[in-house]
PDB file of N, CA and C in Angstrom:
ATOM      1  N   MET A   1     -17.831  14.492 119.424  1.00  0.00           N
ATOM      2  CA  MET A   1     -18.823  15.339 118.819  1.00  0.00           C
ATOM      3  C   MET A   1     -19.066  14.428 117.215  1.00  0.00           C
ATOM      4  N   SER A   2     -20.543  14.474 116.909  1.00  0.00           N
ATOM      5  CA  SER A   2     -20.978  13.547 115.756  1.00  0.00           C
ATOM      6  C   SER A   2     -20.666  14.274 114.467  1.00  0.00           C
ATOM      7  N   LEU A   3     -20.285  13.764 113.359  1.00  0.00           N
ATOM      8  CA  LEU A   3     -19.885  14.116 112.301  1.00  0.00           C
ATOM      9  C   LEU A   3     -21.418  14.210 111.417  1.00  0.00           C
ATOM     10  N   LEU A   4     -22.312  13.951 111.864  1.00  0.00           N
ATOM     11  CA  LEU A   4     -23.559  13.723 111.320  1.00  0.00           C
ATOM     12  C   LEU A   4     -24.650  14.710 112.115  1.00  0.00           C
ATOM     13  N   LYS A   5     -25.212  15.660 111.474  1.00  0.00           N
ATOM     14  CA  LYS A   5     -26.118  16.672 111.927  1.00  0.00           C
ATOM     15  C   LYS A   5     -27.385  16.464 111.165  1.00  0.00           C
ATOM     16  N   THR A   6     -28.733  16.195 111.983  1.00  0.00           N
ATOM     17  CA  THR A   6     -29.562  16.393 111.647  1.00  0.00           C
ATOM     18  C   THR A   6     -30.420  17.652 111.733  1.00  0.00           C
ATOM     19  N   ILE A   7     -30.828  18.337 110.815  1.00  0.00           N
ATOM     20  CA  ILE A   7     -31.454  19.483 111.134  1.00  0.00           C
ATOM     21  C   ILE A   7     -33.194  19.418 111.116  1.00  0.00           C
ATOM     22  N   ASP A   8     -33.625  19.927 112.455  1.00  0.00           N
ATOM     23  CA  ASP A   8     -34.798  20.043 112.844  1.00  0.00           C
ATOM     24  C   ASP A   8     -35.538  21.112 112.271  1.00  0.00           C
ATOM     25  N   THR A   9     -36.600  20.838 111.359  1.00  0.00           N
ATOM     26  CA  THR A   9     -37.522  21.551 110.663  1.00  0.00           C
ATOM     27  C   THR A   9     -38.436  22.078 111.178  1.00  0.00           C
ATOM     28  N   ASN A  10     -38.783  21.712 112.347  1.00  0.00           N
ATOM     29  CA  ASN A  10     -40.083  22.230 113.617  1.00  0.00           C
ATOM     30  C   ASN A  10     -39.381  22.336 114.850  1.00  0.00           C
ATOM     31  N   PRO A  11     -38.257  23.152 115.007  1.00  0.00           N
ATOM     32  CA  PRO A  11     -37.869  22.712 116.423  1.00  0.00           C
ATOM     33  C   PRO A  11     -38.614  23.793 117.409  1.00  0.00           C
ATOM     34  N   THR A  12     -38.407  22.796 118.700  1.00  0.00           N
ATOM     35  CA  THR A  12     -38.895  23.349 119.971  1.00  0.00           C
ATOM     36  C   THR A  12     -38.075  24.132 120.449  1.00  0.00           C
ATOM     37  N   PHE A  13     -36.897  24.754 120.390  1.00  0.00           N
ATOM     38  CA  PHE A  13     -36.126  25.826 121.261  1.00  0.00           C
ATOM     39  C   PHE A  13     -36.593  27.359 120.628  1.00  0.00           C
ATOM     40  N   ALA A  14     -36.552  28.167 121.355  1.00  0.00           N
ATOM     41  CA  ALA A  14     -36.638  29.469 121.394  1.00  0.00           C
ATOM     42  C   ALA A  14     -35.791  30.267 120.013  1.00  0.00           C
ATOM     43  N   PRO A  15     -36.685  30.703 119.047  1.00  0.00           N
ATOM     44  CA  PRO A  15     -35.507  31.212 117.699  1.00  0.00           C
ATOM     45  C   PRO A  15     -34.908  32.572 118.295  1.00  0.00           C
ATOM     46  N   ARG A  16     -33.749  32.877 117.427  1.00  0.00           N
ATOM     47  CA  ARG A  16     -33.734  34.561 117.692  1.00  0.00           C
ATOM     48  C   ARG A  16     -34.227  35.472 116.744  1.00  0.00           C
ATOM     49  N   GLU A  17     -35.026  36.367 117.003  1.00  0.00           N
ATOM     50  CA  GLU A  17     -35.883  37.048 116.524  1.00  0.00           C
ATOM     51  C   GLU A  17     -35.146  38.428 116.167  1.00  0.00           C
ATOM     52  N   SER A  18     -35.497  38.706 114.651  1.00  0.00           N
ATOM     53  CA  SER A  18     -34.819  40.161 114.326  1.00  0.00           C
ATOM     54  C   SER A  18     -35.650  40.436 113.296  1.00  0.00           C
ATOM     55  N   GLY A  19     -34.990  41.605 112.682  1.00  0.00           N
ATOM     56  CA  GLY A  19     -35.681  41.983 111.590  1.00  0.00           C
ATOM     57  C   GLY A  19     -34.715  42.512 110.419  1.00  0.00           C
ATOM     58  N   PRO A  20     -35.424  42.926 109.397  1.00  0.00           N
ATOM     59  CA  PRO A  20     -34.223  43.884 108.077  1.00  0.00           C
ATOM     60  C   PRO A  20     -33.606  44.765 109.040  1.00  0.00           C
ATOM     61  N   LEU A  21     -32.167  45.254 108.481  1.00  0.00           N
ATOM     62  CA  LEU A  21     -31.644  46.430 108.329  1.00  0.00           C
ATOM     63  C   LEU A  21     -32.351  47.443 108.037  1.00  0.00           C
ATOM     64  N   PRO A  22     -32.755  48.522 108.897  1.00  0.00           N
ATOM     65  CA  PRO A  22     -33.466  49.663 108.177  1.00  0.00           C
ATOM     66  C   PRO A  22     -33.008  50.128 106.822  1.00  0.00           C
ATOM     67  N   GLU A  23     -31.809  50.127 106.390  1.00  0.00           N
ATOM     68  CA  GLU A  23     -31.162  50.489 105.157  1.00  0.00           C
ATOM     69  C   GLU A  23     -31.431  49.452 104.122  1.00  0.00           C
ATOM     70  N   ARG A  24     -31.980  48.098 104.577  1.00  0.00           N
ATOM     71  CA  ARG A  24     -32.140  47.057 103.471  1.00  0.00           C
ATOM     72  C   ARG A  24     -33.849  46.716 103.368  1.00  0.00           C
ATOM     73  N   LEU A  25     -34.557  47.412 104.071  1.00  0.00           N
ATOM     74  CA  LEU A  25     -35.939  47.497 104.088  1.00  0.00           C
ATOM     75  C   LEU A  25     -36.594  48.037 102.799  1.00  0.00           C
ATOM     76  N   ILE A  26     -37.499  47.359 102.191  1.00  0.00           N
ATOM     77  CA  ILE A  26     -37.863  47.939 100.780  1.00  0.00           C
ATOM     78  C   ILE A  26     -39.573  48.373 101.153  1.00  0.00           C
ATOM     79  N   SER A  27     -40.290  47.427 101.615  1.00  0.00           N
ATOM     80  CA  SER A  27     -41.735  47.673 101.980  1.00  0.00           C
ATOM     81  C   SER A  27     -41.907  46.206 102.754  1.00  0.00           C
ATOM     82  N   GLY A  28     -43.075  46.823 103.149  1.00  0.00           N
ATOM     83  CA  GLY A  28     -43.898  45.821 104.425  1.00  0.00           C
ATOM     84  C   GLY A  28     -43.065  45.974 106.085  1.00  0.00           C
ATOM     85  N   ASN A  29     -43.173  45.147 106.819  1.00  0.00           N
ATOM     86  CA  ASN A  29     -42.822  44.921 107.917  1.00  0.00           C
ATOM     87  C   ASN A  29     -42.417  43.637 108.498  1.00  0.00           C
ATOM     88  N   PRO A  30     -41.540  43.031 107.565  1.00  0.00           N
ATOM     89  CA  PRO A  30     -41.178  41.527 107.725  1.00  0.00           C
ATOM     90  C   PRO A  30     -40.330  41.325 109.032  1.00  0.00           C
ATOM     91  N   ALA A  31     -40.662  40.278 109.829  1.00  0.00           N
ATOM     92  CA  ALA A  31     -39.994  39.795 110.934  1.00  0.00           C
ATOM     93  C   ALA A  31     -39.174  38.331 110.647  1.00  0.00           C
ATOM     94  N   PHE A  32     -38.319  38.220 111.286  1.00  0.00           N
ATOM     95  CA  PHE A  32     -37.306  36.960 110.981  1.00  0.00           C
ATOM     96  C   PHE A  32     -37.103  36.442 112.289  1.00  0.00           C
ATOM     97  N   LYS A  33     -37.101  34.895 112.144  1.00  0.00           N
ATOM     98  CA  LYS A  33     -36.742  34.006 113.209  1.00  0.00           C
ATOM     99  C   LYS A  33     -35.750  33.184 112.724  1.00  0.00           C
ATOM    100  N   THR A  34     -34.792  33.059 113.678  1.00  0.00           N
ATOM    101  CA  THR A  34     -33.483  32.153 113.211  1.00  0.00           C
ATOM    102  C   THR A  34     -33.317  30.915 114.280  1.00  0.00           C
ATOM    103  N   TRP A  35     -33.616  29.658 113.652  1.00  0.00           N
ATOM    104  CA  TRP A  35     -33.071  28.807 115.088  1.00  0.00           C
ATOM    105  C   TRP A  35     -31.747  27.951 114.275  1.00  0.00           C
ATOM    106  N   ALA A  36     -30.998  28.704 114.851  1.00  0.00           N
ATOM    107  CA  ALA A  36     -29.286  28.402 114.595  1.00  0.00           C
ATOM    108  C   ALA A  36     -29.197  26.716 115.031  1.00  0.00           C
ATOM    109  N   GLN A  37     -28.384  26.224 114.462  1.00  0.00           N
ATOM    110  CA  GLN A  37     -28.451  24.519 114.780  1.00  0.00           C
ATOM    111  C   GLN A  37     -26.908  23.991 114.602  1.00  0.00           C
ATOM    112  N   ASP A  38     -26.082  24.437 113.955  1.00  0.00           N
ATOM    113  CA  ASP A  38     -24.841  23.946 114.061  1.00  0.00           C
ATOM    114  C   ASP A  38     -23.872  24.921 113.522  1.00  0.00           C
ATOM    115  N   VAL A  39     -22.888  24.932 114.049  1.00  0.00           N
ATOM    116  CA  VAL A  39     -21.738  25.715 113.441  1.00  0.00           C
ATOM    117  C   VAL A  39     -20.484  24.861 113.417  1.00  0.00           C
ATOM    118  N   ALA A  40     -19.855  25.113 112.182  1.00  0.00           N
ATOM    119  CA  ALA A  40     -18.284  24.263 111.995  1.00  0.00           C
ATOM    120  C   ALA A  40     -17.183  25.065 111.392  1.00  0.00           C
ATOM    121  N   ARG A  41     -16.089  24.166 111.100  1.00  0.00           N
ATOM    122  CA  ARG A  41     -15.406  24.633 110.314  1.00  0.00           C
ATOM    123  C   ARG A  41     -14.718  26.116 110.845  1.00  0.00           C
ATOM    124  N   GLY A  42     -14.611  26.826 112.223  1.00  0.00           N
ATOM    125  CA  GLY A  42     -14.286  27.465 112.864  1.00  0.00           C
ATOM    126  C   GLY A  42     -15.061  28.739 112.661  1.00  0.00           C
ATOM    127  N   GLU A  43     -16.303  28.568 112.683  1.00  0.00           N
ATOM    128  CA  GLU A  43     -17.528  29.620 112.455  1.00  0.00           C
ATOM    129  C   GLU A  43     -17.582  29.978 111.229  1.00  0.00           C
ATOM    130  N   THR A  44     -17.163  29.271 110.039  1.00  0.00           N
ATOM    131  CA  THR A  44     -17.165  29.509 108.657  1.00  0.00           C
ATOM    132  C   THR A  44     -18.383  28.713 108.088  1.00  0.00           C
ATOM    133  N   VAL A  45     -18.928  27.858 108.666  1.00  0.00           N
ATOM    134  CA  VAL A  45     -20.263  27.034 108.017  1.00  0.00           C
ATOM    135  C   VAL A  45     -21.374  26.915 109.096  1.00  0.00           C
ATOM    136  N   HIS A  46     -22.433  27.745 109.001  1.00  0.00           N
ATOM    137  CA  HIS A  46     -23.548  27.754 109.908  1.00  0.00           C
ATOM    138  C   HIS A  46     -24.710  27.097 108.805  1.00  0.00           C
ATOM    139  N   SER A  47     -25.467  26.778 109.669  1.00  0.00           N
ATOM    140  CA  SER A  47     -26.627  25.848 109.222  1.00  0.00           C
ATOM    141  C   SER A  47     -27.738  25.610 110.296  1.00  0.00           C
ATOM    142  N   GLY A  48     -29.256  25.914 109.684  1.00  0.00           N
ATOM    143  CA  GLY A  48     -30.249  25.750 110.538  1.00  0.00           C
ATOM    144  C   GLY A  48     -31.545  26.016 109.569  1.00  0.00           C
ATOM    145  N   VAL A  49     -32.464  26.659 110.601  1.00  0.00           N
ATOM    146  CA  VAL A  49     -33.896  26.961 109.887  1.00  0.00           C
ATOM    147  C   VAL A  49     -34.556  28.323 110.263  1.00  0.00           C
ATOM    148  N   TRP A  50     -34.697  29.108 109.173  1.00  0.00           N
ATOM    149  CA  TRP A  50     -34.718  30.445 109.134  1.00  0.00           C
ATOM    150  C   TRP A  50     -36.475  30.564 108.285  1.00  0.00           C
ATOM    151  N   GLU A  51     -37.095  31.281 109.147  1.00  0.00           N
ATOM    152  CA  GLU A  51     -38.356  32.134 108.890  1.00  0.00           C
ATOM    153  C   GLU A  51     -38.692  33.507 108.683  1.00  0.00           C
ATOM    154  N   ALA A  52     -39.540  33.875 107.868  1.00  0.00           N
ATOM    155  CA  ALA A  52     -39.650  35.461 107.630  1.00  0.00           C
ATOM    156  C   ALA A  52     -40.999  35.508 106.933  1.00  0.00           C
ATOM    157  N   THR A  53     -41.698  36.751 107.768  1.00  0.00           N
ATOM    158  CA  THR A  53     -43.287  37.055 107.592  1.00  0.00           C
ATOM    159  C   THR A  53     -43.053  38.142 105.913  1.00  0.00           C
ATOM    160  N   PRO A  54     -44.332  38.308 105.367  1.00  0.00           N
ATOM    161  CA  PRO A  54     -44.237  38.863 103.943  1.00  0.00           C
ATOM    162  C   PRO A  54     -43.264  40.575 104.203  1.00  0.00           C
ATOM    163  N   GLY A  55     -42.965  40.690 103.215  1.00  0.00           N
ATOM    164  CA  GLY A  55     -42.185  42.214 103.085  1.00  0.00           C
ATOM    165  C   GLY A  55     -41.380  41.730 102.119  1.00  0.00           C
ATOM    166  N   GLU A  56     -40.450  42.936 101.580  1.00  0.00           N
ATOM    167  CA  GLU A  56     -39.239  43.136 100.690  1.00  0.00           C
ATOM    168  C   GLU A  56     -38.058  43.977 101.209  1.00  0.00           C
ATOM    169  N   THR A  57     -36.984  43.074 100.948  1.00  0.00           N
ATOM    170  CA  THR A  57     -35.900  43.679 101.354  1.00  0.00           C
ATOM    171  C   THR A  57     -34.633  43.324 100.603  1.00  0.00           C
ATOM    172  N   ARG A  58     -33.811  44.302 100.683  1.00  0.00           N
ATOM    173  CA  ARG A  58     -32.517  43.995  99.595  1.00  0.00           C
ATOM    174  C   ARG A  58     -31.614  43.085 100.243  1.00  0.00           C
ATOM    175  N   SER A  59     -31.100  42.052  99.329  1.00  0.00           N
ATOM    176  CA  SER A  59     -30.033  41.003  99.997  1.00  0.00           C
ATOM    177  C   SER A  59     -29.264  41.079  99.364  1.00  0.00           C
ATOM    178  N   ILE A  60     -28.188  41.414 100.050  1.00  0.00           N
ATOM    179  CA  ILE A  60     -26.622  41.251  99.837  1.00  0.00           C
ATOM    180  C   ILE A  60     -25.719  40.101 100.457  1.00  0.00           C
ATOM    181  N   LYS A  61     -25.302  39.236  99.708  1.00  0.00           N
ATOM    182  CA  LYS A  61     -24.558  38.130 100.220  1.00  0.00           C
ATOM    183  C   LYS A  61     -23.268  38.612 100.653  1.00  0.00           C
ATOM    184  N   GLY A  62     -22.583  39.463 100.042  1.00  0.00           N
ATOM    185  CA  GLY A  62     -21.118  39.538 100.471  1.00  0.00           C
ATOM    186  C   GLY A  62     -20.144  38.691  99.856  1.00  0.00           C
ATOM    187  N   GLU A  63     -19.373  38.102 100.711  1.00  0.00           N
ATOM    188  CA  GLU A  63     -18.454  36.986 100.505  1.00  0.00           C
ATOM    189  C   GLU A  63     -19.054  35.455 100.911  1.00  0.00           C
ATOM    190  N   LYS A  64     -20.281  35.499 101.292  1.00  0.00           N
ATOM    191  CA  LYS A  64     -20.828  34.184 101.931  1.00  0.00           C
ATOM    192  C   LYS A  64     -21.475  33.358 100.349  1.00  0.00           C
ATOM    193  N   PHE A  65     -21.518  32.198 100.719  1.00  0.00           N
ATOM    194  CA  PHE A  65     -22.231  31.002  99.467  1.00  0.00           C
ATOM    195  C   PHE A  65     -23.703  31.030 100.756  1.00  0.00           C
ATOM    196  N   GLU A  66     -24.980  30.896 100.102  1.00  0.00           N
ATOM    197  CA  GLU A  66     -25.955  30.451 100.954  1.00  0.00           C
ATOM    198  C   GLU A  66     -26.694  29.346 100.042  1.00  0.00           C
ATOM    199  N   PHE A  67     -26.687  28.471 100.756  1.00  0.00           N
ATOM    200  CA  PHE A  67     -27.903  27.415 100.062  1.00  0.00           C
ATOM    201  C   PHE A  67     -29.185  27.335 100.828  1.00  0.00           C
ATOM    202  N   CYS A  68     -30.352  27.305  99.918  1.00  0.00           N
ATOM    203  CA  CYS A  68     -31.654  27.563 100.737  1.00  0.00           C
ATOM    204  C   CYS A  68     -32.451  26.439 100.416  1.00  0.00           C
ATOM    205  N   HIS A  69     -32.975  25.626 100.986  1.00  0.00           N
ATOM    206  CA  HIS A  69     -34.256  24.613 100.642  1.00  0.00           C
ATOM    207  C   HIS A  69     -35.540  25.023 101.377  1.00  0.00           C
ATOM    208  N   ILE A  70     -36.561  25.381 100.473  1.00  0.00           N
ATOM    209  CA  ILE A  70     -38.038  25.993 101.190  1.00  0.00           C
ATOM    210  C   ILE A  70     -38.524  25.074 101.542  1.00  0.00           C
ATOM    211  N   LEU A  71     -38.818  25.109 102.841  1.00  0.00           N
ATOM    212  CA  LEU A  71     -39.970  23.907 103.678  1.00  0.00           C
ATOM    213  C   LEU A  71     -41.273  24.615 103.503  1.00  0.00           C
ATOM    214  N   SER A  72     -41.669  25.912 103.165  1.00  0.00           N
ATOM    215  CA  SER A  72     -43.197  26.219 103.349  1.00  0.00           C
ATOM    216  C   SER A  72     -43.033  27.537 102.621  1.00  0.00           C
ATOM    217  N   GLY A  73     -44.112  28.325 102.088  1.00  0.00           N
ATOM    218  CA  GLY A  73     -44.154  29.702 101.684  1.00  0.00           C
ATOM    219  C   GLY A  73     -43.910  29.945 100.484  1.00  0.00           C
ATOM    220  N   LEU A  74     -43.880  30.963 100.090  1.00  0.00           N
ATOM    221  CA  LEU A  74     -43.289  31.750  98.569  1.00  0.00           C
ATOM    222  C   LEU A  74     -42.782  32.780  98.668  1.00  0.00           C
ATOM    223  N   ILE A  75     -41.421  32.902  97.823  1.00  0.00           N
ATOM    224  CA  ILE A  75     -40.751  34.016  97.634  1.00  0.00           C
ATOM    225  C   ILE A  75     -40.599  34.092  96.277  1.00  0.00           C
ATOM    226  N   GLU A  76     -40.069  35.365  95.640  1.00  0.00           N
ATOM    227  CA  GLU A  76     -39.487  35.834  94.552  1.00  0.00           C
ATOM    228  C   GLU A  76     -38.294  36.489  94.920  1.00  0.00           C
ATOM    229  N   LEU A  77     -37.291  36.245  94.167  1.00  0.00           N
ATOM    230  CA  LEU A  77     -35.557  36.649  94.285  1.00  0.00           C
ATOM    231  C   LEU A  77     -35.656  37.316  92.807  1.00  0.00           C
ATOM    232  N   THR A  78     -35.332  38.584  92.973  1.00  0.00           N
ATOM    233  CA  THR A  78     -34.843  39.155  91.415  1.00  0.00           C
ATOM    234  C   THR A  78     -33.234  39.975  91.819  1.00  0.00           C
ATOM    235  N   PRO A  79     -32.688  38.924  91.114  1.00  0.00           N
ATOM    236  CA  PRO A  79     -31.074  39.681  91.017  1.00  0.00           C
ATOM    237  C   PRO A  79     -30.877  41.092  90.370  1.00  0.00           C
ATOM    238  N   GLU A  80     -29.852  41.614  90.771  1.00  0.00           N
ATOM    239  CA  GLU A  80     -29.908  43.153  90.571  1.00  0.00           C
ATOM    240  C   GLU A  80     -29.663  42.836  88.634  1.00  0.00           C
ATOM    241  N   ASP A  81     -30.643  43.660  88.150  1.00  0.00           N
ATOM    242  CA  ASP A  81     -30.245  43.379  86.499  1.00  0.00           C
ATOM    243  C   ASP A  81     -30.820  42.343  86.076  1.00  0.00           C
ATOM    244  N   GLY A  82     -31.615  41.534  86.880  1.00  0.00           N
ATOM    245  CA  GLY A  82     -32.157  40.109  86.377  1.00  0.00           C
ATOM    246  C   GLY A  82     -33.528  40.080  86.569  1.00  0.00           C
ATOM    247  N   GLU A  83     -34.014  38.876  85.842  1.00  0.00           N
ATOM    248  CA  GLU A  83     -35.437  38.681  86.228  1.00  0.00           C
ATOM    249  C   GLU A  83     -36.056  38.006  87.367  1.00  0.00           C
ATOM    250  N   PRO A  84     -37.268  38.331  87.693  1.00  0.00           N
ATOM    251  CA  PRO A  84     -37.733  37.614  89.092  1.00  0.00           C
ATOM    252  C   PRO A  84     -37.904  35.842  89.022  1.00  0.00           C
ATOM    253  N   VAL A  85     -37.306  35.317  90.151  1.00  0.00           N
ATOM    254  CA  VAL A  85     -37.218  34.034  89.867  1.00  0.00           C
ATOM    255  C   VAL A  85     -38.236  33.509  91.420  1.00  0.00           C
ATOM    256  N   VAL A  86     -39.356  32.703  91.036  1.00  0.00           N
ATOM    257  CA  VAL A  86     -40.035  32.251  92.330  1.00  0.00           C
ATOM    258  C   VAL A  86     -39.530  30.760  92.636  1.00  0.00           C
ATOM    259  N   TYR A  87     -39.627  30.807  94.139  1.00  0.00           N
ATOM    260  CA  TYR A  87     -39.185  29.546  94.871  1.00  0.00           C
ATOM    261  C   TYR A  87     -40.626  29.474  95.616  1.00  0.00           C
ATOM    262  N   LYS A  88     -40.777  27.904  95.856  1.00  0.00           N
ATOM    263  CA  LYS A  88     -41.956  27.643  96.744  1.00  0.00           C
ATOM    264  C   LYS A  88     -41.194  26.493  97.215  1.00  0.00           C
ATOM    265  N   ALA A  89     -42.478  25.977  98.088  1.00  0.00           N
ATOM    266  CA  ALA A  89     -42.139  24.430  99.331  1.00  0.00           C
ATOM    267  C   ALA A  89     -41.269  23.415  98.144  1.00  0.00           C
ATOM    268  N   GLY A  90     -40.286  22.991  98.646  1.00  0.00           N
ATOM    269  CA  GLY A  90     -39.631  21.704  98.003  1.00  0.00           C
ATOM    270  C   GLY A  90     -38.420  22.449  97.019  1.00  0.00           C
ATOM    271  N   ASP A  91     -38.532  23.686  96.821  1.00  0.00           N
ATOM    272  CA  ASP A  91     -37.383  24.202  95.678  1.00  0.00           C
ATOM    273  C   ASP A  91     -36.219  24.574  96.832  1.00  0.00           C
ATOM    274  N   SER A  92     -35.114  24.391  95.734  1.00  0.00           N
ATOM    275  CA  SER A  92     -33.644  24.622  96.528  1.00  0.00           C
ATOM    276  C   SER A  92     -32.708  25.795  95.705  1.00  0.00           C
ATOM    277  N   PHE A  93     -31.726  26.259  96.076  1.00  0.00           N
ATOM    278  CA  PHE A  93     -31.282  27.436  95.165  1.00  0.00           C
ATOM    279  C   PHE A  93     -29.784  27.648  96.176  1.00  0.00           C
ATOM    280  N   VAL A  94     -29.026  28.388  95.360  1.00  0.00           N
ATOM    281  CA  VAL A  94     -27.946  29.088  96.030  1.00  0.00           C
ATOM    282  C   VAL A  94     -27.586  30.398  95.627  1.00  0.00           C
ATOM    283  N   MET A  95     -27.377  31.208  96.787  1.00  0.00           N
ATOM    284  CA  MET A  95     -26.955  32.486  96.582  1.00  0.00           C
ATOM    285  C   MET A  95     -25.337  32.399  96.477  1.00  0.00           C
ATOM    286  N   LYS A  96     -25.040  32.909  95.372  1.00  0.00           N
ATOM    287  CA  LYS A  96     -23.141  32.981  95.320  1.00  0.00           C
ATOM    288  C   LYS A  96     -23.003  34.297  95.957  1.00  0.00           C
ATOM    289  N   PRO A  97     -21.368  34.103  96.492  1.00  0.00           N
ATOM    290  CA  PRO A  97     -20.636  35.636  96.951  1.00  0.00           C
ATOM    291  C   PRO A  97     -21.146  36.596  95.941  1.00  0.00           C
ATOM    292  N   GLY A  98     -21.189  37.568  96.582  1.00  0.00           N
ATOM    293  CA  GLY A  98     -21.374  38.852  95.384  1.00  0.00           C
ATOM    294  C   GLY A  98     -23.114  39.017  95.269  1.00  0.00           C
ATOM    295  N   PHE A  99     -23.835  38.398  94.949  1.00  0.00           N
ATOM    296  CA  PHE A  99     -25.310  38.212  94.911  1.00  0.00           C
ATOM    297  C   PHE A  99     -25.865  39.365  95.441  1.00  0.00           C
ATOM    298  N   VAL A 100     -26.774  39.945  95.022  1.00  0.00           N
ATOM    299  CA  VAL A 100     -27.295  41.720  95.129  1.00  0.00           C
ATOM    300  C   VAL A 100     -28.462  41.335  94.230  1.00  0.00           C
ATOM    301  N   GLY A 101     -29.774  41.529  95.393  1.00  0.00           N
ATOM    302  CA  GLY A 101     -30.941  41.663  94.648  1.00  0.00           C
ATOM    303  C   GLY A 101     -32.049  42.039  95.575  1.00  0.00           C
ATOM    304  N   VAL A 102     -33.317  41.430  95.252  1.00  0.00           N
ATOM    305  CA  VAL A 102     -34.380  41.923  95.841  1.00  0.00           C
ATOM    306  C   VAL A 102     -35.108  40.455  96.443  1.00  0.00           C
ATOM    307  N   TRP A 103     -35.182  40.451  97.595  1.00  0.00           N
ATOM    308  CA  TRP A 103     -36.009  39.312  98.371  1.00  0.00           C
ATOM    309  C   TRP A 103     -37.340  39.436  98.856  1.00  0.00           C
ATOM    310  N   LYS A 104     -38.210  38.872  98.048  1.00  0.00           N
ATOM    311  CA  LYS A 104     -39.640  39.366  98.267  1.00  0.00           C
ATOM    312  C   LYS A 104     -40.408  38.050  99.002  1.00  0.00           C
ATOM    313  N   THR A 105     -40.940  38.342 100.364  1.00  0.00           N
ATOM    314  CA  THR A 105     -41.406  37.069 100.828  1.00  0.00           C
ATOM    315  C   THR A 105     -43.287  37.442 100.528  1.00  0.00           C
ATOM    316  N   ILE A 106     -43.515  36.479  99.803  1.00  0.00           N
ATOM    317  CA  ILE A 106     -44.887  36.871  99.260  1.00  0.00           C
ATOM    318  C   ILE A 106     -46.133  36.410 100.328  1.00  0.00           C
ATOM    319  N   GLU A 107     -45.395  34.744 100.917  1.00  0.00           N
ATOM    320  CA  GLU A 107     -46.339  33.941 101.834  1.00  0.00           C
ATOM    321  C   GLU A 107     -45.132  33.821 103.006  1.00  0.00           C
ATOM    322  N   THR A 108     -45.589  33.701 104.315  1.00  0.00           N
ATOM    323  CA  THR A 108     -44.583  33.446 105.256  1.00  0.00           C
ATOM    324  C   THR A 108     -43.858  32.123 104.917  1.00  0.00           C
ATOM    325  N   VAL A 109     -42.506  32.444 104.797  1.00  0.00           N
ATOM    326  CA  VAL A 109     -41.501  31.379 104.558  1.00  0.00           C
ATOM    327  C   VAL A 109     -40.474  30.535 105.408  1.00  0.00           C
ATOM    328  N   ARG A 110     -40.289  29.600 105.589  1.00  0.00           N
ATOM    329  CA  ARG A 110     -39.333  28.623 106.415  1.00  0.00           C
ATOM    330  C   ARG A 110     -38.471  27.939 105.230  1.00  0.00           C
ATOM    331  N   LYS A 111     -37.154  28.100 105.733  1.00  0.00           N
ATOM    332  CA  LYS A 111     -36.165  27.368 104.832  1.00  0.00           C
ATOM    333  C   LYS A 111     -35.165  26.802 105.742  1.00  0.00           C
ATOM    334  N   ILE A 112     -34.485  25.937 105.104  1.00  0.00           N
ATOM    335  CA  ILE A 112     -33.145  25.217 105.803  1.00  0.00           C
ATOM    336  C   ILE A 112     -32.357  26.389 105.113  1.00  0.00           C
ATOM    337  N   TYR A 113     -31.309  26.527 105.812  1.00  0.00           N
ATOM    338  CA  TYR A 113     -29.920  27.350 105.138  1.00  0.00           C
ATOM    339  C   TYR A 113     -28.721  26.753 105.608  1.00  0.00           C
ATOM    340  N   VAL A 114     -27.627  26.958 104.912  1.00  0.00           N
ATOM    341  CA  VAL A 114     -26.585  26.591 104.976  1.00  0.00           C
ATOM    342  C   VAL A 114     -25.651  27.823 104.267  1.00  0.00           C
ATOM    343  N   THR A 115     -24.977  28.436 105.340  1.00  0.00           N
ATOM    344  CA  THR A 115     -24.021  29.478 104.885  1.00  0.00           C
ATOM    345  C   THR A 115     -22.433  29.185 104.877  1.00  0.00           C
ATOM    346  N   VAL A 116     -21.884  29.715 103.777  1.00  0.00           N
ATOM    347  CA  VAL A 116     -20.183  29.405 104.192  1.00  0.00           C
ATOM    348  C   VAL A 116     -19.658  30.357 103.846  1.00  0.00           C
ATOM    349  N   SER A 117     -18.728  30.600 104.599  1.00  0.00           N
ATOM    350  CA  SER A 117     -17.900  31.928 104.516  1.00  0.00           C
ATOM    351  C   SER A 117     -16.509  31.720 103.661  1.00  0.00           C
TER     352      SER A 117
END
């Protein structure tokens, strides 16, 4: 097993397709695609590529850290009781455990993600 993992930003294998939980949907009809590419440390670290079409959902991180690097698209994150922050291609950010807010996909977004439980 290699300890070096390259994340393929344009994977050729089929993604897992999903959508928001009904109780988290705010507006639109966003569709999600996930290309999971690695799992480590007893299933506590996950990484891969994720894509979402336009829409607005409630984001709740629970006990997870999530690092995101935007490859393409445009989003606006609004923390609960906070100001909106816009992220575009080339931007990176971390949502820490306990983060609650609104994730608004303005233009279809594709990101690299790493989650740590």
